[in-house]
Amino acid sequence: ISRDNAKNTVYLQMNSLKPEDTAV
């Protein structure tokens, strides 16, 4: 998780995704 306050944005970088990560 990271944030760029200048852009009012938070990011979630997700790697090595698994089927159990399926969700909203």
PDB file of all heavy atoms in Angstrom:
ATOM      1  N   ILE A   1       0.859  -1.184   0.000  1.00  0.00           N
ATOM      2  CA  ILE A   1       0.000   0.000   0.000  1.00  0.00           C
ATOM      3  C   ILE A   1       0.896   1.234   0.000  1.00  0.00           C
ATOM      4  O   ILE A   1       1.928   1.267   0.677  1.00  0.00           O
ATOM      5  CB  ILE A   1      -0.972  -0.014   1.201  1.00  0.00           C
ATOM      6  CG1 ILE A   1      -2.010   1.089   1.065  1.00  0.00           C
ATOM      7  CG2 ILE A   1      -0.228   0.059   2.531  1.00  0.00           C
ATOM      8  CD1 ILE A   1      -3.134   1.006   2.113  1.00  0.00           C
ATOM      9  N   SER A   2       0.502   2.233  -0.760  1.00  0.00           N
ATOM     10  CA  SER A   2       1.271   3.471  -0.816  1.00  0.00           C
ATOM     11  C   SER A   2       0.316   4.620  -1.086  1.00  0.00           C
ATOM     12  O   SER A   2      -0.850   4.397  -1.439  1.00  0.00           O
ATOM     13  CB  SER A   2       2.353   3.398  -1.906  1.00  0.00           C
ATOM     14  OG  SER A   2       1.773   3.217  -3.179  1.00  0.00           O
ATOM     15  N   ARG A   3       0.817   5.836  -0.935  1.00  0.00           N
ATOM     16  CA  ARG A   3      -0.055   6.989  -1.165  1.00  0.00           C
ATOM     17  C   ARG A   3       0.721   8.117  -1.827  1.00  0.00           C
ATOM     18  O   ARG A   3       1.930   8.267  -1.602  1.00  0.00           O
ATOM     19  CB  ARG A   3      -0.710   7.462   0.133  1.00  0.00           C
ATOM     20  CG  ARG A   3       0.224   8.038   1.172  1.00  0.00           C
ATOM     21  CD  ARG A   3      -0.507   8.234   2.509  1.00  0.00           C
ATOM     22  NE  ARG A   3      -1.625   9.158   2.401  1.00  0.00           N
ATOM     23  CZ  ARG A   3      -2.661   9.183   3.246  1.00  0.00           C
ATOM     24  NH1 ARG A   3      -2.710   8.332   4.254  1.00  0.00           N
ATOM     25  NH2 ARG A   3      -3.628  10.063   3.076  1.00  0.00           N
ATOM     26  N   ASP A   4      -0.008   8.889  -2.613  1.00  0.00           N
ATOM     27  CA  ASP A   4       0.521  10.095  -3.229  1.00  0.00           C
ATOM     28  C   ASP A   4      -0.433  11.214  -2.835  1.00  0.00           C
ATOM     29  O   ASP A   4      -1.494  11.390  -3.454  1.00  0.00           O
ATOM     30  CB  ASP A   4       0.599   9.933  -4.745  1.00  0.00           C
ATOM     31  CG  ASP A   4       1.234  11.123  -5.437  1.00  0.00           C
ATOM     32  OD1 ASP A   4       1.280  12.213  -4.838  1.00  0.00           O
ATOM     33  OD2 ASP A   4       1.678  10.970  -6.589  1.00  0.00           O
ATOM     34  N   ASN A   5      -0.076  11.951  -1.796  1.00  0.00           N
ATOM     35  CA  ASN A   5      -0.983  12.981  -1.281  1.00  0.00           C
ATOM     36  C   ASN A   5      -1.213  14.110  -2.285  1.00  0.00           C
ATOM     37  O   ASN A   5      -2.269  14.736  -2.290  1.00  0.00           O
ATOM     38  CB  ASN A   5      -0.452  13.539   0.031  1.00  0.00           C
ATOM     39  CG  ASN A   5      -0.586  12.538   1.172  1.00  0.00           C
ATOM     40  OD1 ASN A   5      -1.414  11.635   1.124  1.00  0.00           O
ATOM     41  ND2 ASN A   5       0.255  12.692   2.182  1.00  0.00           N
ATOM     42  N   ALA A   6      -0.246  14.345  -3.142  1.00  0.00           N
ATOM     43  CA  ALA A   6      -0.419  15.392  -4.150  1.00  0.00           C
ATOM     44  C   ALA A   6      -1.512  15.034  -5.148  1.00  0.00           C
ATOM     45  O   ALA A   6      -2.138  15.910  -5.744  1.00  0.00           O
ATOM     46  CB  ALA A   6       0.898  15.626  -4.885  1.00  0.00           C
ATOM     47  N   LYS A   7      -1.736  13.727  -5.301  1.00  0.00           N
ATOM     48  CA  LYS A   7      -2.768  13.260  -6.239  1.00  0.00           C
ATOM     49  C   LYS A   7      -4.013  12.769  -5.516  1.00  0.00           C
ATOM     50  O   LYS A   7      -4.924  12.231  -6.156  1.00  0.00           O
ATOM     51  CB  LYS A   7      -2.205  12.134  -7.114  1.00  0.00           C
ATOM     52  CG  LYS A   7      -1.084  12.570  -8.028  1.00  0.00           C
ATOM     53  CD  LYS A   7      -0.623  11.424  -8.906  1.00  0.00           C
ATOM     54  CE  LYS A   7       0.474  11.874  -9.853  1.00  0.00           C
ATOM     55  NZ  LYS A   7       0.946  10.758 -10.728  1.00  0.00           N
ATOM     56  N   ASN A   8      -4.034  12.920  -4.162  1.00  0.00           N
ATOM     57  CA  ASN A   8      -5.183  12.422  -3.379  1.00  0.00           C
ATOM     58  C   ASN A   8      -5.473  10.954  -3.689  1.00  0.00           C
ATOM     59  O   ASN A   8      -6.637  10.538  -3.777  1.00  0.00           O
ATOM     60  CB  ASN A   8      -6.432  13.256  -3.664  1.00  0.00           C
ATOM     61  CG  ASN A   8      -6.480  14.537  -2.856  1.00  0.00           C
ATOM     62  OD1 ASN A   8      -5.490  14.917  -2.227  1.00  0.00           O
ATOM     63  ND2 ASN A   8      -7.602  15.216  -2.876  1.00  0.00           N
ATOM     64  N   THR A   9      -4.436  10.166  -3.821  1.00  0.00           N
ATOM     65  CA  THR A   9      -4.602   8.782  -4.263  1.00  0.00           C
ATOM     66  C   THR A   9      -3.808   7.816  -3.392  1.00  0.00           C
ATOM     67  O   THR A   9      -2.662   8.111  -3.018  1.00  0.00           O
ATOM     68  CB  THR A   9      -4.173   8.633  -5.734  1.00  0.00           C
ATOM     69  OG1 THR A   9      -4.994   9.472  -6.545  1.00  0.00           O
ATOM     70  CG2 THR A   9      -4.345   7.192  -6.206  1.00  0.00           C
ATOM     71  N   VAL A  10      -4.438   6.704  -3.082  1.00  0.00           N
ATOM     72  CA  VAL A  10      -3.782   5.590  -2.408  1.00  0.00           C
ATOM     73  C   VAL A  10      -3.787   4.408  -3.369  1.00  0.00           C
ATOM     74  O   VAL A  10      -4.782   4.167  -4.062  1.00  0.00           O
ATOM     75  CB  VAL A  10      -4.504   5.222  -1.097  1.00  0.00           C
ATOM     76  CG1 VAL A  10      -4.006   3.899  -0.548  1.00  0.00           C
ATOM     77  CG2 VAL A  10      -4.307   6.314  -0.058  1.00  0.00           C
ATOM     78  N   TYR A  11      -2.675   3.687  -3.392  1.00  0.00           N
ATOM     79  CA  TYR A  11      -2.521   2.560  -4.290  1.00  0.00           C
ATOM     80  C   TYR A  11      -2.405   1.258  -3.496  1.00  0.00           C
ATOM     81  O   TYR A  11      -1.948   1.245  -2.349  1.00  0.00           O
ATOM     82  CB  TYR A  11      -1.258   2.728  -5.146  1.00  0.00           C
ATOM     83  CG  TYR A  11      -1.227   4.010  -5.922  1.00  0.00           C
ATOM     84  CD1 TYR A  11      -0.548   5.126  -5.434  1.00  0.00           C
ATOM     85  CD2 TYR A  11      -1.880   4.114  -7.147  1.00  0.00           C
ATOM     86  CE1 TYR A  11      -0.514   6.309  -6.153  1.00  0.00           C
ATOM     87  CE2 TYR A  11      -1.850   5.297  -7.867  1.00  0.00           C
ATOM     88  CZ  TYR A  11      -1.176   6.390  -7.362  1.00  0.00           C
ATOM     89  OH  TYR A  11      -1.153   7.568  -8.068  1.00  0.00           O
ATOM     90  N   LEU A  12      -2.819   0.174  -4.125  1.00  0.00           N
ATOM     91  CA  LEU A  12      -2.580  -1.154  -3.582  1.00  0.00           C
ATOM     92  C   LEU A  12      -1.978  -2.000  -4.701  1.00  0.00           C
ATOM     93  O   LEU A  12      -2.672  -2.401  -5.631  1.00  0.00           O
ATOM     94  CB  LEU A  12      -3.874  -1.792  -3.073  1.00  0.00           C
ATOM     95  CG  LEU A  12      -3.697  -3.143  -2.362  1.00  0.00           C
ATOM     96  CD1 LEU A  12      -2.944  -2.939  -1.036  1.00  0.00           C
ATOM     97  CD2 LEU A  12      -5.049  -3.816  -2.106  1.00  0.00           C
ATOM     98  N   GLN A  13      -0.677  -2.210  -4.593  1.00  0.00           N
ATOM     99  CA  GLN A  13       0.027  -3.060  -5.551  1.00  0.00           C
ATOM    100  C   GLN A  13      -0.105  -4.501  -5.071  1.00  0.00           C
ATOM    101  O   GLN A  13       0.300  -4.813  -3.948  1.00  0.00           O
ATOM    102  CB  GLN A  13       1.501  -2.656  -5.637  1.00  0.00           C
ATOM    103  CG  GLN A  13       2.382  -3.631  -6.422  1.00  0.00           C
ATOM    104  CD  GLN A  13       2.110  -3.597  -7.916  1.00  0.00           C
ATOM    105  OE1 GLN A  13       1.938  -2.526  -8.483  1.00  0.00           O
ATOM    106  NE2 GLN A  13       2.069  -4.753  -8.546  1.00  0.00           N
ATOM    107  N   MET A  14      -0.659  -5.345  -5.913  1.00  0.00           N
ATOM    108  CA  MET A  14      -0.905  -6.738  -5.539  1.00  0.00           C
ATOM    109  C   MET A  14      -0.119  -7.652  -6.461  1.00  0.00           C
ATOM    110  O   MET A  14      -0.319  -7.622  -7.687  1.00  0.00           O
ATOM    111  CB  MET A  14      -2.397  -7.062  -5.621  1.00  0.00           C
ATOM    112  CG  MET A  14      -3.261  -6.132  -4.781  1.00  0.00           C
ATOM    113  SD  MET A  14      -4.995  -6.625  -4.739  1.00  0.00           S
ATOM    114  CE  MET A  14      -5.446  -6.389  -6.465  1.00  0.00           C
ATOM    115  N   ASN A  15       0.774  -8.432  -5.880  1.00  0.00           N
ATOM    116  CA  ASN A  15       1.590  -9.369  -6.634  1.00  0.00           C
ATOM    117  C   ASN A  15       1.277 -10.798  -6.203  1.00  0.00           C
ATOM    118  O   ASN A  15       0.660 -11.022  -5.162  1.00  0.00           O
ATOM    119  CB  ASN A  15       3.078  -9.084  -6.402  1.00  0.00           C
ATOM    120  CG  ASN A  15       3.490  -7.700  -6.857  1.00  0.00           C
ATOM    121  OD1 ASN A  15       3.016  -7.193  -7.877  1.00  0.00           O
ATOM    122  ND2 ASN A  15       4.389  -7.068  -6.121  1.00  0.00           N
ATOM    123  N   SER A  16       1.724 -11.746  -7.009  1.00  0.00           N
ATOM    124  CA  SER A  16       1.536 -13.174  -6.691  1.00  0.00           C
ATOM    125  C   SER A  16       0.093 -13.469  -6.317  1.00  0.00           C
ATOM    126  O   SER A  16      -0.184 -14.128  -5.312  1.00  0.00           O
ATOM    127  CB  SER A  16       2.485 -13.583  -5.548  1.00  0.00           C
ATOM    128  OG  SER A  16       3.818 -13.320  -5.875  1.00  0.00           O
ATOM    129  N   LEU A  17      -0.806 -12.983  -7.121  1.00  0.00           N
ATOM    130  CA  LEU A  17      -2.233 -13.118  -6.801  1.00  0.00           C
ATOM    131  C   LEU A  17      -2.673 -14.569  -6.837  1.00  0.00           C
ATOM    132  O   LEU A  17      -2.187 -15.369  -7.651  1.00  0.00           O
ATOM    133  CB  LEU A  17      -3.064 -12.264  -7.752  1.00  0.00           C
ATOM    134  CG  LEU A  17      -3.042 -10.767  -7.427  1.00  0.00           C
ATOM    135  CD1 LEU A  17      -3.503  -9.941  -8.617  1.00  0.00           C
ATOM    136  CD2 LEU A  17      -3.899 -10.480  -6.206  1.00  0.00           C
ATOM    137  N   LYS A  18      -3.598 -14.885  -5.942  1.00  0.00           N
ATOM    138  CA  LYS A  18      -4.137 -16.234  -5.797  1.00  0.00           C
ATOM    139  C   LYS A  18      -5.644 -16.205  -6.046  1.00  0.00           C
ATOM    140  O   LYS A  18      -6.281 -15.155  -5.879  1.00  0.00           O
ATOM    141  CB  LYS A  18      -3.879 -16.741  -4.377  1.00  0.00           C
ATOM    142  CG  LYS A  18      -2.430 -16.685  -3.926  1.00  0.00           C
ATOM    143  CD  LYS A  18      -2.315 -17.052  -2.459  1.00  0.00           C
ATOM    144  CE  LYS A  18      -0.871 -16.948  -1.975  1.00  0.00           C
ATOM    145  NZ  LYS A  18      -0.746 -17.284  -0.532  1.00  0.00           N
ATOM    146  N   PRO A  19      -6.224 -17.333  -6.408  1.00  0.00           N
ATOM    147  CA  PRO A  19      -7.690 -17.353  -6.590  1.00  0.00           C
ATOM    148  C   PRO A  19      -8.446 -16.867  -5.356  1.00  0.00           C
ATOM    149  O   PRO A  19      -9.501 -16.233  -5.492  1.00  0.00           O
ATOM    150  CB  PRO A  19      -7.973 -18.834  -6.873  1.00  0.00           C
ATOM    151  CG  PRO A  19      -6.723 -19.328  -7.514  1.00  0.00           C
ATOM    152  CD  PRO A  19      -5.607 -18.597  -6.819  1.00  0.00           C
ATOM    153  N   GLU A  20      -7.902 -17.122  -4.179  1.00  0.00           N
ATOM    154  CA  GLU A  20      -8.582 -16.678  -2.959  1.00  0.00           C
ATOM    155  C   GLU A  20      -8.507 -15.167  -2.741  1.00  0.00           C
ATOM    156  O   GLU A  20      -9.117 -14.640  -1.809  1.00  0.00           O
ATOM    157  CB  GLU A  20      -8.027 -17.408  -1.719  1.00  0.00           C
ATOM    158  CG  GLU A  20      -6.519 -17.372  -1.597  1.00  0.00           C
ATOM    159  CD  GLU A  20      -5.863 -18.625  -2.147  1.00  0.00           C
ATOM    160  OE1 GLU A  20      -6.275 -19.095  -3.244  1.00  0.00           O
ATOM    161  OE2 GLU A  20      -4.931 -19.135  -1.489  1.00  0.00           O
ATOM    162  N   ASP A  21      -7.777 -14.453  -3.586  1.00  0.00           N
ATOM    163  CA  ASP A  21      -7.779 -12.992  -3.539  1.00  0.00           C
ATOM    164  C   ASP A  21      -8.972 -12.404  -4.310  1.00  0.00           C
ATOM    165  O   ASP A  21      -9.187 -11.188  -4.284  1.00  0.00           O
ATOM    166  CB  ASP A  21      -6.487 -12.421  -4.134  1.00  0.00           C
ATOM    167  CG  ASP A  21      -5.263 -12.776  -3.306  1.00  0.00           C
ATOM    168  OD1 ASP A  21      -5.342 -12.686  -2.067  1.00  0.00           O
ATOM    169  OD2 ASP A  21      -4.228 -13.142  -3.915  1.00  0.00           O
ATOM    170  N   THR A  22      -9.718 -13.257  -4.982  1.00  0.00           N
ATOM    171  CA  THR A  22     -10.885 -12.790  -5.725  1.00  0.00           C
ATOM    172  C   THR A  22     -11.897 -12.161  -4.779  1.00  0.00           C
ATOM    173  O   THR A  22     -12.318 -12.774  -3.795  1.00  0.00           O
ATOM    174  CB  THR A  22     -11.540 -13.965  -6.478  1.00  0.00           C
ATOM    175  OG1 THR A  22     -10.626 -14.447  -7.470  1.00  0.00           O
ATOM    176  CG2 THR A  22     -12.832 -13.534  -7.149  1.00  0.00           C
ATOM    177  N   ALA A  23     -12.279 -10.925  -5.072  1.00  0.00           N
ATOM    178  CA  ALA A  23     -13.186 -10.178  -4.199  1.00  0.00           C
ATOM    179  C   ALA A  23     -13.452  -8.810  -4.826  1.00  0.00           C
ATOM    180  O   ALA A  23     -12.783  -8.413  -5.788  1.00  0.00           O
ATOM    181  CB  ALA A  23     -12.577  -9.982  -2.811  1.00  0.00           C
ATOM    182  N   VAL A  24     -14.403  -8.117  -4.245  1.00  0.00           N
ATOM    183  CA  VAL A  24     -14.553  -6.696  -4.531  1.00  0.00           C
ATOM    184  C   VAL A  24     -13.688  -5.944  -3.518  1.00  0.00           C
ATOM    185  O   VAL A  24     -13.786  -6.198  -2.310  1.00  0.00           O
ATOM    186  CB  VAL A  24     -16.019  -6.239  -4.424  1.00  0.00           C
ATOM    187  CG1 VAL A  24     -16.122  -4.737  -4.706  1.00  0.00           C
ATOM    188  CG2 VAL A  24     -16.887  -7.013  -5.406  1.00  0.00           C
TER     189      VAL A  24
END
